[in-house]
Amino acid sequence: MLKIIRENGTLARLEQRTLTEQGITERYDLQKMMRSSPETFFAEIGEKLLLVGEEARPTDFVEDRIDLLAVDLQGAAVVIELKRDSNKLQLLQALSYAAMLSKWEVSRFIEERAKLTGRTPEEAGEELEQFMEEPPESLNSMQRIILVAEGYDYEVLATAEWLNSQYEVDIRCYRIELSADGNAEYLNCTCIYPAPELAQHAIRRSRRGIATTSTQWSNWQDALESVGNPAVVKFFETMLAAGCENHLPKRLLHIRIGGVRRFQVRVSRNSAYVWQYARFEDDVNYWRDKLGNGILLDLVNHGRSVRFFLTSPDEIDGFNEALKNDMPKKDFIVSSELVADEVES
């Protein structure tokens, strides 16, 4: 890293130091800094992640712990392993964690996020839903690995490349370098595998089925008991009484328009989480006009779907009115991939 000296128009190389020389340990310093500033660290490595846990045990059968655990926008679980220098076993350790992590149910991620943030499981679950750009049930449908170290042995990089090219295992290796300018210290993170251009366009495919949660409720009355928004409870009770297709274990309503499933509505602690599977012309502006500009709305699924959260009685009434009067008249645009999803469902 070079320092620009504007006074005389020159460059000066910052002093390079190792983490060991500076007394920076993995767990008590480096990990703590990343844990305390997750958004800053994730932005530095070009990732959009939500930190879920720290020192998480991947299974009750081992004492080892995952340094940092995160989730990406597509719902993939991300194992982040830190090493102060280089270690040939870093990748093997991360792979074993990812394998054990693949058995986790969604509820386990919610528990870890709640423990990390001090929030209730309901609040933690809502945070995860709002962060992801895929349906909540896609959480942990695949696993990724991020290694962070000062250096990498050739064996580690060669194995990472082989696993990625042959088996599509998403592994990324970042090298950290410490520079100093007097008493000021700077940490630089560089992706050394894969090349940044490839990392941005990597196609990640799930190698197993969608993650599932165990049934928590025996009936819808129990399922809605913990919901703190009376308007949301009334909406679900009304839809259920009308015979709306539903899935109790995940507290979901499936809404069909013209016999085709167009919306999924999941109950959250204080809101109804709506996922619009396909698009129709000017749908974003339509929903903002119908539900109000304050509606929390995003384009998701690479722009093929829309999601929003219904909280107030006016928003819920607007959604009901749209389902009854406007949606049957809309021409939904469904890509070939979404058509395939409809057939499978």
Protein backbone atom coordinates (compact mmCIF):
# COMPACT_ATOMS: atom_id res chain seq x y z
CA MET A 1 0.00 0.00 0.00
CA LEU A 2 1.36 3.41 -1.01
CA LYS A 3 0.81 6.72 0.73
CA ILE A 4 0.27 9.80 -1.43
CA ILE A 5 2.22 12.83 -0.25
CA ARG A 6 0.51 15.76 -1.93
CA GLU A 7 2.90 18.38 -0.55
CA ASN A 8 5.73 17.29 -2.83
CA GLY A 9 3.88 14.99 -5.23
CA THR A 10 5.58 11.78 -4.17
CA LEU A 11 4.65 8.30 -2.99
CA ALA A 12 5.81 6.55 0.15
CA ARG A 13 5.44 2.88 0.88
CA LEU A 14 3.73 2.12 4.15
CA GLU A 15 5.57 -0.14 6.52
CA GLN A 16 4.53 -3.77 6.16
CA ARG A 17 4.05 -5.66 9.40
CA THR A 18 2.77 -9.12 10.27
CA LEU A 19 -0.11 -9.73 12.63
CA THR A 20 2.21 -11.71 14.87
CA GLU A 21 4.67 -8.81 15.11
CA GLN A 22 1.84 -6.52 16.15
CA GLY A 23 0.53 -9.02 18.68
CA ILE A 24 -2.78 -9.43 16.85
CA THR A 25 -4.25 -12.86 17.55
CA GLU A 26 -6.87 -14.68 15.51
CA ARG A 27 -9.68 -15.09 17.97
CA TYR A 28 -9.18 -12.31 20.48
CA ASP A 29 -8.22 -9.51 18.10
CA LEU A 30 -8.84 -10.19 14.40
CA GLN A 31 -12.11 -12.06 14.94
CA LYS A 32 -13.28 -9.53 17.52
CA MET A 33 -12.69 -6.64 15.10
CA MET A 34 -14.62 -8.38 12.33
CA ARG A 35 -17.38 -9.32 14.75
CA SER A 36 -17.65 -5.71 15.94
CA SER A 37 -17.66 -4.24 12.40
CA PRO A 38 -19.23 -6.92 10.18
CA GLU A 39 -20.71 -4.56 7.59
CA THR A 40 -17.35 -2.79 7.17
CA PHE A 41 -15.42 -6.05 6.83
CA PHE A 42 -17.93 -7.62 4.41
CA ALA A 43 -17.92 -4.48 2.26
CA GLU A 44 -14.10 -4.58 2.16
CA ILE A 45 -14.16 -8.08 0.67
CA GLY A 46 -17.02 -7.22 -1.68
CA GLU A 47 -19.63 -9.44 -0.02
CA LYS A 48 -23.19 -8.69 1.08
CA LEU A 49 -23.58 -10.89 4.13
CA LEU A 50 -25.49 -10.90 7.40
CA LEU A 51 -23.48 -12.11 10.37
CA VAL A 52 -25.38 -14.90 12.10
CA GLY A 53 -23.01 -16.36 14.68
CA GLU A 54 -19.60 -16.37 16.28
CA GLU A 55 -17.84 -19.43 17.68
CA ALA A 56 -20.82 -21.55 16.61
CA ARG A 57 -20.59 -25.29 17.16
CA PRO A 58 -21.42 -27.00 13.84
CA THR A 59 -22.72 -30.09 15.67
CA ASP A 60 -23.07 -31.36 19.20
CA PHE A 61 -20.70 -34.22 18.39
CA VAL A 62 -17.56 -32.05 18.15
CA GLU A 63 -16.05 -29.32 20.28
CA ASP A 64 -14.72 -27.32 17.30
CA ARG A 65 -16.35 -24.00 16.54
CA ILE A 66 -16.87 -21.92 13.41
CA ASP A 67 -15.04 -18.60 13.71
CA LEU A 68 -17.78 -16.57 12.03
CA LEU A 69 -21.02 -17.73 10.43
CA ALA A 70 -22.99 -15.61 7.96
CA VAL A 71 -25.78 -15.81 5.40
CA ASP A 72 -25.72 -14.28 1.91
CA LEU A 73 -28.57 -12.67 -0.05
CA GLN A 74 -29.47 -16.00 -1.70
CA GLY A 75 -29.71 -17.75 1.67
CA ALA A 76 -26.44 -19.68 1.45
CA ALA A 77 -24.73 -20.38 4.77
CA VAL A 78 -21.22 -18.92 4.75
CA VAL A 79 -18.44 -20.40 6.89
CA ILE A 80 -15.71 -17.81 7.57
CA GLU A 81 -12.44 -19.21 8.90
CA LEU A 82 -9.61 -16.93 10.02
CA LYS A 83 -5.91 -17.71 10.31
CA ARG A 84 -3.23 -15.26 11.37
CA ASP A 85 -0.56 -16.72 9.08
CA SER A 86 -0.90 -19.74 6.77
CA ASN A 87 -2.20 -23.18 7.70
CA LYS A 88 -2.68 -26.18 5.42
CA LEU A 89 -5.55 -27.45 7.56
CA GLN A 90 -7.63 -24.27 7.25
CA LEU A 91 -9.52 -25.47 4.18
CA LEU A 92 -10.09 -28.98 5.54
CA GLN A 93 -11.46 -27.51 8.74
CA ALA A 94 -13.82 -25.19 6.86
CA LEU A 95 -15.02 -28.02 4.60
CA SER A 96 -15.87 -30.19 7.58
CA TYR A 97 -17.79 -27.30 9.15
CA ALA A 98 -19.74 -26.72 5.93
CA ALA A 99 -20.62 -30.42 5.74
CA MET A 100 -21.94 -30.45 9.30
CA LEU A 101 -23.69 -27.13 8.77
CA SER A 102 -25.63 -28.58 5.84
CA LYS A 103 -27.70 -30.58 8.34
CA TRP A 104 -28.90 -27.49 10.16
CA GLU A 105 -32.55 -26.53 10.14
CA VAL A 106 -33.62 -22.93 9.67
CA SER A 107 -34.46 -22.64 13.36
CA ARG A 108 -30.79 -23.18 14.27
CA PHE A 109 -29.72 -20.12 12.25
CA ILE A 110 -32.41 -18.09 13.98
CA GLU A 111 -31.15 -19.26 17.37
CA GLU A 112 -27.55 -18.28 16.53
CA ARG A 113 -28.59 -14.85 15.25
CA ALA A 114 -30.70 -14.28 18.37
CA LYS A 115 -27.77 -15.24 20.62
CA LEU A 116 -25.39 -13.00 18.68
CA THR A 117 -27.61 -9.91 18.76
CA GLY A 118 -29.46 -10.39 22.05
CA ARG A 119 -32.79 -10.26 20.24
CA THR A 120 -35.72 -12.66 20.50
CA PRO A 121 -35.95 -15.59 18.04
CA GLU A 122 -38.94 -13.89 16.42
CA GLU A 123 -36.95 -10.69 15.85
CA ALA A 124 -33.93 -12.63 14.59
CA GLY A 125 -36.07 -14.61 12.16
CA GLU A 126 -37.61 -11.43 10.81
CA GLU A 127 -34.14 -9.93 10.31
CA LEU A 128 -33.09 -12.92 8.25
CA GLU A 129 -36.24 -12.76 6.12
CA GLN A 130 -35.81 -9.05 5.44
CA PHE A 131 -32.13 -9.46 4.54
CA MET A 132 -32.49 -12.31 2.05
CA GLU A 133 -33.51 -11.79 -1.57
CA GLU A 134 -34.84 -15.33 -1.91
CA PRO A 135 -37.81 -17.03 -0.22
CA PRO A 136 -37.08 -17.80 3.45
CA GLU A 137 -37.19 -21.56 2.83
CA SER A 138 -34.08 -21.26 0.66
CA LEU A 139 -32.00 -20.55 3.77
CA ASN A 140 -29.12 -23.07 3.98
CA SER A 141 -30.03 -24.67 0.66
CA MET A 142 -26.30 -24.46 -0.04
CA GLN A 143 -23.08 -23.68 1.80
CA ARG A 144 -20.09 -21.47 0.99
CA ILE A 145 -16.59 -21.04 2.43
CA ILE A 146 -14.55 -17.87 2.92
CA LEU A 147 -10.96 -18.24 4.10
CA VAL A 148 -9.07 -15.26 5.49
CA ALA A 149 -5.32 -15.56 6.14
CA GLU A 150 -2.01 -13.75 5.72
CA GLY A 151 -0.80 -16.39 3.28
CA TYR A 152 -1.79 -19.64 1.57
CA ASP A 153 0.16 -22.77 0.82
CA TYR A 154 -0.02 -23.94 -2.77
CA GLU A 155 -1.87 -27.09 -1.69
CA VAL A 156 -4.73 -25.04 -0.28
CA LEU A 157 -5.23 -22.95 -3.42
CA ALA A 158 -4.91 -25.97 -5.72
CA THR A 159 -7.49 -27.90 -3.70
CA ALA A 160 -9.87 -24.92 -3.63
CA GLU A 161 -9.64 -24.59 -7.40
CA TRP A 162 -10.21 -28.32 -7.92
CA LEU A 163 -13.24 -28.43 -5.63
CA ASN A 164 -14.72 -25.41 -7.35
CA SER A 165 -14.15 -26.53 -10.93
CA GLN A 166 -15.07 -30.20 -10.43
CA TYR A 167 -17.76 -30.01 -7.76
CA GLU A 168 -18.90 -26.36 -7.79
CA VAL A 169 -17.97 -25.81 -4.14
CA ASP A 170 -17.94 -22.05 -3.60
CA ILE A 171 -14.61 -21.31 -1.89
CA ARG A 172 -13.00 -17.87 -1.73
CA CYS A 173 -9.57 -17.08 -0.33
CA TYR A 174 -8.69 -13.61 0.94
CA ARG A 175 -5.20 -12.52 1.92
CA ILE A 176 -4.93 -9.92 4.67
CA GLU A 177 -1.98 -7.55 4.94
CA LEU A 178 -1.19 -5.19 7.76
CA SER A 179 0.40 -1.82 7.00
CA ALA A 180 1.40 0.94 9.39
CA ASP A 181 1.93 4.67 9.20
CA GLY A 182 3.27 5.72 12.55
CA ASN A 183 0.73 4.61 15.12
CA ALA A 184 -2.03 4.16 12.52
CA GLU A 185 -2.62 0.59 11.32
CA TYR A 186 -4.37 -0.46 8.11
CA LEU A 187 -5.75 -3.87 7.20
CA ASN A 188 -6.00 -4.67 3.49
CA CYS A 189 -8.00 -7.65 2.16
CA THR A 190 -7.30 -9.02 -1.33
CA CYS A 191 -9.14 -11.87 -3.05
CA ILE A 192 -6.49 -14.23 -4.42
CA TYR A 193 -8.90 -17.02 -5.39
CA PRO A 194 -10.93 -16.93 -7.49
CA ALA A 195 -10.15 -13.88 -9.61
CA PRO A 196 -12.59 -11.09 -8.68
CA GLU A 197 -14.19 -11.16 -12.14
CA LEU A 198 -14.93 -14.87 -11.77
CA ALA A 199 -16.18 -14.46 -8.21
CA GLN A 200 -18.73 -11.86 -9.33
CA HIS A 201 -20.15 -14.12 -12.03
CA ALA A 202 -19.92 -17.45 -10.21
CA ILE A 203 -23.01 -19.61 -10.62
CA ARG A 204 -23.78 -21.37 -7.39
CA ARG A 205 -26.07 -24.38 -7.52
CA SER A 206 -27.62 -26.10 -4.58
CA ARG A 207 -26.39 -29.64 -4.09
CA ARG A 208 -29.22 -30.67 -1.82
CA GLY A 209 -32.86 -30.00 -1.20
CA ILE A 210 -34.34 -26.92 0.37
CA ALA A 211 -33.72 -26.60 4.09
CA THR A 212 -36.70 -27.47 6.22
CA THR A 213 -37.89 -26.68 9.69
CA SER A 214 -39.55 -29.04 12.09
CA THR A 215 -43.27 -28.56 12.72
CA GLN A 216 -43.77 -26.21 15.65
CA TRP A 217 -47.53 -25.83 15.61
CA SER A 218 -50.39 -28.30 15.73
CA ASN A 219 -52.94 -25.81 14.37
CA TRP A 220 -53.18 -22.32 12.95
CA GLN A 221 -54.53 -20.87 16.19
CA ASP A 222 -51.27 -21.83 17.92
CA ALA A 223 -49.25 -20.61 14.94
CA LEU A 224 -50.80 -17.13 15.12
CA GLU A 225 -50.71 -16.82 18.90
CA SER A 226 -47.23 -15.25 18.99
CA VAL A 227 -48.00 -12.67 16.27
CA GLY A 228 -48.11 -9.21 17.82
CA ASN A 229 -50.00 -7.44 15.02
CA PRO A 230 -53.80 -7.88 15.22
CA ALA A 231 -54.24 -6.77 11.59
CA VAL A 232 -51.91 -9.52 10.38
CA VAL A 233 -53.70 -12.11 12.53
CA LYS A 234 -57.07 -11.03 11.13
CA PHE A 235 -55.75 -11.21 7.56
CA PHE A 236 -54.54 -14.79 8.03
CA GLU A 237 -57.71 -15.88 9.82
CA THR A 238 -59.86 -14.41 7.03
CA MET A 239 -57.80 -16.06 4.28
CA LEU A 240 -57.83 -19.42 6.06
CA ALA A 241 -61.58 -19.24 6.65
CA ALA A 242 -62.01 -18.66 2.92
CA GLY A 243 -60.14 -21.89 2.21
CA CYS A 244 -56.84 -20.37 1.07
CA GLU A 245 -54.15 -22.92 0.24
CA ASN A 246 -51.67 -22.99 3.12
CA HIS A 247 -48.68 -24.72 4.69
CA LEU A 248 -48.88 -24.76 8.49
CA PRO A 249 -45.29 -25.87 9.35
CA LYS A 250 -43.93 -22.69 7.74
CA ARG A 251 -46.99 -20.51 8.42
CA LEU A 252 -47.49 -19.85 4.71
CA LEU A 253 -50.42 -18.91 2.52
CA HIS A 254 -50.26 -19.73 -1.19
CA ILE A 255 -52.44 -17.42 -3.25
CA ARG A 256 -53.41 -18.43 -6.76
CA ILE A 257 -54.62 -16.07 -9.47
CA GLY A 258 -56.41 -17.78 -12.35
CA GLY A 259 -55.39 -21.16 -10.92
CA VAL A 260 -51.68 -20.29 -10.92
CA ARG A 261 -49.71 -19.65 -7.74
CA ARG A 262 -48.73 -15.98 -7.86
CA PHE A 263 -48.16 -14.97 -4.22
CA GLN A 264 -46.76 -16.49 -1.08
CA VAL A 265 -47.53 -14.82 2.26
CA ARG A 266 -45.62 -15.74 5.39
CA VAL A 267 -46.56 -14.55 8.85
CA SER A 268 -43.85 -12.71 10.80
CA ARG A 269 -43.85 -11.34 14.31
CA ASN A 270 -45.35 -7.99 13.32
CA SER A 271 -45.97 -8.19 9.58
CA ALA A 272 -47.10 -10.29 6.65
CA TYR A 273 -44.21 -11.06 4.31
CA VAL A 274 -45.44 -11.18 0.71
CA TRP A 275 -43.49 -12.77 -2.16
CA GLN A 276 -44.80 -12.09 -5.67
CA TYR A 277 -43.47 -14.91 -7.84
CA ALA A 278 -43.79 -13.26 -11.26
CA ARG A 279 -43.85 -9.70 -12.55
CA PHE A 280 -46.50 -7.61 -14.25
CA GLU A 281 -46.08 -4.30 -16.04
CA ASP A 282 -45.12 -1.39 -13.74
CA ASP A 283 -45.78 -3.57 -10.67
CA VAL A 284 -43.42 -1.67 -8.36
CA ASN A 285 -45.22 1.63 -8.92
CA TYR A 286 -48.56 -0.16 -8.74
CA TRP A 287 -47.86 -1.53 -5.26
CA ARG A 288 -46.46 1.77 -4.00
CA ASP A 289 -49.57 3.59 -5.20
CA LYS A 290 -51.84 0.90 -3.79
CA LEU A 291 -50.09 0.36 -0.45
CA GLY A 292 -48.38 3.72 0.10
CA ASN A 293 -44.89 5.01 -0.57
CA GLY A 294 -43.79 3.92 2.89
CA ILE A 295 -44.14 0.23 2.02
CA LEU A 296 -40.95 -1.80 2.45
CA LEU A 297 -40.57 -3.22 -1.07
CA ASP A 298 -37.66 -4.78 -2.99
CA LEU A 299 -36.95 -6.48 -6.30
CA VAL A 300 -35.52 -9.93 -5.59
CA ASN A 301 -34.64 -13.19 -7.34
CA HIS A 302 -32.49 -11.29 -9.86
CA GLY A 303 -35.37 -8.95 -10.63
CA ARG A 304 -37.82 -11.74 -11.43
CA SER A 305 -39.85 -11.34 -8.25
CA VAL A 306 -41.10 -8.65 -5.86
CA ARG A 307 -41.33 -8.85 -2.10
CA PHE A 308 -42.91 -6.50 0.41
CA PHE A 309 -44.08 -6.39 4.02
CA LEU A 310 -47.64 -5.58 5.11
CA THR A 311 -47.91 -4.03 8.55
CA SER A 312 -50.73 -1.51 8.84
CA PRO A 313 -54.45 -2.24 8.41
CA ASP A 314 -54.49 0.11 5.39
CA GLU A 315 -51.70 -1.85 3.69
CA ILE A 316 -53.48 -5.14 4.32
CA ASP A 317 -56.80 -3.72 3.06
CA GLY A 318 -55.04 -2.46 -0.06
CA PHE A 319 -53.50 -5.87 -0.69
CA ASN A 320 -56.87 -7.59 -0.23
CA GLU A 321 -58.53 -5.16 -2.62
CA ALA A 322 -55.77 -5.74 -5.18
CA LEU A 323 -56.18 -9.52 -4.97
CA LYS A 324 -59.93 -9.27 -5.45
CA ASN A 325 -60.21 -6.62 -8.16
CA ASP A 326 -56.90 -5.96 -9.92
CA MET A 327 -54.76 -9.10 -9.91
CA PRO A 328 -57.13 -11.21 -12.08
CA LYS A 329 -56.75 -8.56 -14.81
CA LYS A 330 -52.94 -8.45 -14.72
CA ASP A 331 -50.78 -10.19 -17.30
CA PHE A 332 -48.02 -11.86 -15.29
CA ILE A 333 -44.67 -12.22 -17.00
CA VAL A 334 -43.10 -15.54 -16.09
CA SER A 335 -39.60 -16.54 -17.22
CA SER A 336 -38.91 -20.11 -18.35
CA GLU A 337 -37.23 -20.80 -15.02
CA LEU A 338 -40.28 -19.65 -13.08
CA VAL A 339 -42.55 -21.74 -15.31
CA ALA A 340 -40.46 -24.78 -14.39
CA ASP A 341 -40.85 -23.92 -10.71
CA GLU A 342 -44.62 -23.73 -11.14
CA VAL A 343 -44.73 -27.17 -12.75
CA GLU A 344 -42.63 -28.69 -9.96
CA SER A 345 -44.82 -27.14 -7.28
